[in-house]
């Protein structure tokens, strides 16, 4: 069984989707730990209710980012993860930490990458007049939200939509595609090589796997 470590900062809805998929034997792995940089993150409650070990590492305890990331790396290593899943972890990770878990760390971002890297993606898509938006699961590299895309989900943007309406539509899709990608990794079907994502030995394009 693959050992999955999840990093969160907030409610942990994607964590819950992964926990549910593991419980239903839809993922050939188990969540062995959840780390949060926020002591009040509701995702910690979700983890504890599922019997998963939790750790809190708040940035206020450390003098700077380098010191924090060194401690985070040591804590992550204690869990001996085969896969690290970023699920709303609201910190930019250092290059050293990212390199340490290269090819073993994935993230979900609420946009159709490479569009709208960073924050406030739903409002930015609305402001740009886009008629669709979505989410992307990608490998984590040193470039913020710039690692190779594995899978995307598209949702419509309707005239008059508010950002929270689009966000709810996107989040519903995140809960489907993130566990699926985790399963691909745990099955040994997914890997990162030479800066690209490969599924079943096939190099994926810029938008990741094209679901039929």
Protein backbone atom coordinates (compact mmCIF):
# COMPACT_ATOMS: atom_id res chain seq x y z
CA UNK A 1 0.00 0.00 0.00
CA UNK A 2 1.30 3.42 -0.94
CA UNK A 3 1.80 5.82 1.94
CA UNK A 4 0.05 9.15 1.27
CA UNK A 5 0.84 12.33 3.17
CA UNK A 6 -1.55 15.28 2.79
CA UNK A 7 -0.71 18.93 3.52
CA UNK A 8 -3.56 21.33 4.24
CA UNK A 9 -4.31 24.82 5.52
CA UNK A 10 -8.09 24.93 5.60
CA UNK A 11 -11.33 22.95 5.45
CA UNK A 12 -9.83 19.88 3.81
CA UNK A 13 -12.64 19.04 1.40
CA UNK A 14 -10.19 17.50 -1.08
CA UNK A 15 -8.60 15.61 1.80
CA UNK A 16 -12.06 14.23 2.62
CA UNK A 17 -12.57 13.13 -0.97
CA UNK A 18 -9.27 11.22 -0.84
CA UNK A 19 -10.06 9.71 2.58
CA UNK A 20 -13.45 8.56 1.28
CA UNK A 21 -11.89 7.00 -1.80
CA UNK A 22 -9.33 5.16 0.34
CA UNK A 23 -12.09 3.89 2.63
CA UNK A 24 -14.01 2.63 -0.41
CA UNK A 25 -10.90 0.82 -1.72
CA UNK A 26 -10.83 3.07 -4.76
CA UNK A 27 -7.23 4.07 -4.01
CA UNK A 28 -4.49 1.49 -3.53
CA UNK A 29 -2.97 3.46 -0.70
CA UNK A 30 -3.63 4.93 2.71
CA UNK A 31 -3.38 8.41 4.15
CA UNK A 32 -0.75 7.99 6.86
CA UNK A 33 -0.62 11.61 7.98
CA UNK A 34 -2.00 15.11 7.59
CA UNK A 35 0.12 18.19 8.24
CA UNK A 36 -1.37 21.67 8.60
CA UNK A 37 0.25 25.06 9.02
CA UNK A 38 -2.97 26.26 10.69
CA UNK A 39 -4.00 24.90 14.07
CA UNK A 40 -7.67 25.68 13.41
CA UNK A 41 -7.85 24.00 10.00
CA UNK A 42 -11.03 21.92 9.86
CA UNK A 43 -9.19 19.36 7.78
CA UNK A 44 -7.45 18.27 10.99
CA UNK A 45 -10.85 17.30 12.40
CA UNK A 46 -11.59 15.30 9.26
CA UNK A 47 -8.28 13.47 9.58
CA UNK A 48 -8.73 12.66 13.27
CA UNK A 49 -12.25 11.37 12.65
CA UNK A 50 -10.75 9.02 10.05
CA UNK A 51 -8.11 7.84 12.52
CA UNK A 52 -5.26 9.53 10.65
CA UNK A 53 -2.25 10.99 12.47
CA UNK A 54 -2.01 14.79 12.37
CA UNK A 55 0.72 17.36 12.88
CA UNK A 56 0.60 21.15 13.14
CA UNK A 57 3.57 23.23 12.07
CA UNK A 58 2.77 26.94 12.37
CA UNK A 59 5.03 29.45 10.66
CA UNK A 60 4.95 31.72 13.72
CA UNK A 61 7.27 29.28 15.47
CA UNK A 62 10.09 30.01 13.02
CA UNK A 63 12.27 32.98 12.21
CA UNK A 64 12.03 32.72 8.42
CA UNK A 65 10.85 30.62 5.51
CA UNK A 66 14.10 28.64 5.25
CA UNK A 67 13.89 27.58 8.89
CA UNK A 68 10.23 26.67 8.53
CA UNK A 69 10.78 24.60 5.41
CA UNK A 70 13.69 22.74 6.99
CA UNK A 71 11.43 21.75 9.87
CA UNK A 72 8.61 20.89 7.48
CA UNK A 73 10.89 18.67 5.41
CA UNK A 74 12.02 16.81 8.53
CA UNK A 75 8.42 16.34 9.67
CA UNK A 76 7.31 15.12 6.25
CA UNK A 77 10.19 12.66 6.10
CA UNK A 78 9.08 11.18 9.43
CA UNK A 79 5.91 9.95 7.70
CA UNK A 80 7.97 8.18 4.98
CA UNK A 81 5.51 9.11 2.23
CA UNK A 82 5.41 7.54 -1.21
CA UNK A 83 3.21 10.43 -2.34
CA UNK A 84 2.74 13.96 -0.98
CA UNK A 85 -0.61 15.57 -1.78
CA UNK A 86 -1.02 19.33 -1.42
CA UNK A 87 -4.70 19.99 -0.70
CA UNK A 88 -5.10 23.70 -0.14
CA UNK A 89 -1.72 24.12 1.55
CA UNK A 90 -1.32 27.88 1.41
CA UNK A 91 2.44 28.22 1.49
CA UNK A 92 5.01 28.50 -1.27
CA UNK A 93 7.48 25.68 -0.75
CA UNK A 94 11.24 26.15 -0.98
CA UNK A 95 13.18 24.78 -3.92
CA UNK A 96 15.08 22.37 -1.66
CA UNK A 97 11.88 20.84 -0.31
CA UNK A 98 10.33 20.54 -3.76
CA UNK A 99 13.45 18.88 -5.15
CA UNK A 100 13.49 16.40 -2.26
CA UNK A 101 10.01 15.15 -3.25
CA UNK A 102 10.40 15.59 -7.03
CA UNK A 103 8.04 13.27 -8.86
CA UNK A 104 6.31 12.36 -5.59
CA UNK A 105 4.36 15.56 -4.91
CA UNK A 106 1.14 16.70 -6.56
CA UNK A 107 -1.11 19.74 -6.20
CA UNK A 108 -4.55 20.80 -7.33
CA UNK A 109 -4.99 24.34 -8.57
CA UNK A 110 -8.34 26.05 -9.27
CA UNK A 111 -7.76 27.08 -12.87
CA UNK A 112 -7.07 25.60 -16.28
CA UNK A 113 -3.31 25.93 -16.09
CA UNK A 114 -1.27 27.62 -17.40
CA UNK A 115 -4.04 30.22 -17.04
CA UNK A 116 -4.33 32.07 -13.72
CA UNK A 117 -1.44 30.83 -11.65
CA UNK A 118 -1.56 32.13 -8.08
CA UNK A 119 -4.59 33.41 -6.19
CA UNK A 120 -8.15 34.70 -6.88
CA UNK A 121 -8.49 32.52 -9.96
CA UNK A 122 -12.29 32.44 -10.13
CA UNK A 123 -12.68 36.22 -10.13
CA UNK A 124 -9.84 36.61 -12.60
CA UNK A 125 -11.57 34.21 -15.00
CA UNK A 126 -14.84 36.14 -14.66
CA UNK A 127 -13.09 39.49 -15.13
CA UNK A 128 -11.41 38.19 -18.28
CA UNK A 129 -14.77 37.25 -19.79
CA UNK A 130 -13.97 33.54 -19.96
CA UNK A 131 -16.84 31.18 -20.67
CA UNK A 132 -15.15 28.26 -18.94
CA UNK A 133 -12.93 27.66 -15.95
CA UNK A 134 -11.78 24.61 -14.05
CA UNK A 135 -9.15 22.84 -12.00
CA UNK A 136 -5.81 21.23 -12.77
CA UNK A 137 -3.92 18.48 -10.97
CA UNK A 138 -0.20 18.78 -11.59
CA UNK A 139 3.17 17.61 -10.35
CA UNK A 140 4.86 20.15 -8.12
CA UNK A 141 8.06 21.73 -9.40
CA UNK A 142 10.05 24.78 -8.39
CA UNK A 143 7.88 26.98 -10.62
CA UNK A 144 4.75 28.07 -8.75
CA UNK A 145 1.74 26.25 -10.26
CA UNK A 146 4.00 25.48 -13.19
CA UNK A 147 4.62 21.72 -12.95
CA UNK A 148 3.40 19.33 -15.66
CA UNK A 149 -0.38 19.01 -15.73
CA UNK A 150 -1.82 15.53 -15.19
CA UNK A 151 -5.58 16.05 -15.43
CA UNK A 152 -7.98 18.95 -15.80
CA UNK A 153 -11.72 19.38 -15.25
CA UNK A 154 -13.69 22.09 -17.06
CA UNK A 155 -16.77 23.93 -15.80
CA UNK A 156 -18.88 26.62 -17.48
CA UNK A 157 -19.00 30.25 -16.46
CA UNK A 158 -22.48 31.67 -16.97
CA UNK A 159 -23.39 35.30 -17.46
CA UNK A 160 -23.88 36.95 -14.10
CA UNK A 161 -21.93 34.34 -12.16
CA UNK A 162 -20.29 35.42 -8.92
CA UNK A 163 -16.89 34.05 -7.92
CA UNK A 164 -18.35 31.84 -5.18
CA UNK A 165 -20.73 30.20 -7.65
CA UNK A 166 -17.88 29.37 -10.00
CA UNK A 167 -15.77 28.19 -7.06
CA UNK A 168 -18.48 25.74 -5.96
CA UNK A 169 -18.70 24.34 -9.48
CA UNK A 170 -14.93 23.92 -9.65
CA UNK A 171 -14.66 22.34 -6.21
CA UNK A 172 -17.23 19.68 -7.10
CA UNK A 173 -15.00 18.62 -9.98
CA UNK A 174 -11.86 18.73 -7.82
CA UNK A 175 -13.39 16.10 -5.57
CA UNK A 176 -13.62 13.75 -8.56
CA UNK A 177 -10.33 14.31 -10.32
CA UNK A 178 -7.96 14.52 -7.34
CA UNK A 179 -8.69 11.03 -5.94
CA UNK A 180 -8.47 9.67 -9.49
CA UNK A 181 -4.97 11.06 -9.98
CA UNK A 182 -3.92 9.76 -6.56
CA UNK A 183 -5.14 6.33 -7.62
CA UNK A 184 -3.16 6.48 -10.88
CA UNK A 185 -0.02 7.24 -8.89
CA UNK A 186 -0.65 4.48 -6.35
CA UNK A 187 -1.20 2.00 -9.18
CA UNK A 188 2.18 2.87 -10.62
CA UNK A 189 0.60 4.24 -13.79
CA UNK A 190 1.67 7.86 -13.28
CA UNK A 191 5.16 9.32 -13.09
CA UNK A 192 7.12 12.49 -13.78
CA UNK A 193 10.17 12.18 -16.00
CA UNK A 194 12.32 14.80 -17.71
CA UNK A 195 9.92 17.53 -16.62
CA UNK A 196 6.85 15.87 -18.10
CA UNK A 197 3.96 13.76 -16.80
CA UNK A 198 3.56 10.23 -18.14
CA UNK A 199 0.45 8.06 -17.78
CA UNK A 200 0.74 4.40 -18.76
CA UNK A 201 4.03 5.25 -20.43
CA UNK A 202 2.50 7.96 -22.63
CA UNK A 203 3.75 11.51 -22.30
CA UNK A 204 0.87 13.84 -21.50
CA UNK A 205 0.33 17.10 -23.33
CA UNK A 206 0.14 20.59 -21.83
CA UNK A 207 -3.44 20.03 -20.64
CA UNK A 208 -2.72 16.59 -19.20
CA UNK A 209 -4.77 13.48 -19.84
CA UNK A 210 -7.68 14.04 -22.19
CA UNK A 211 -10.66 12.21 -20.74
CA UNK A 212 -13.15 10.95 -23.28
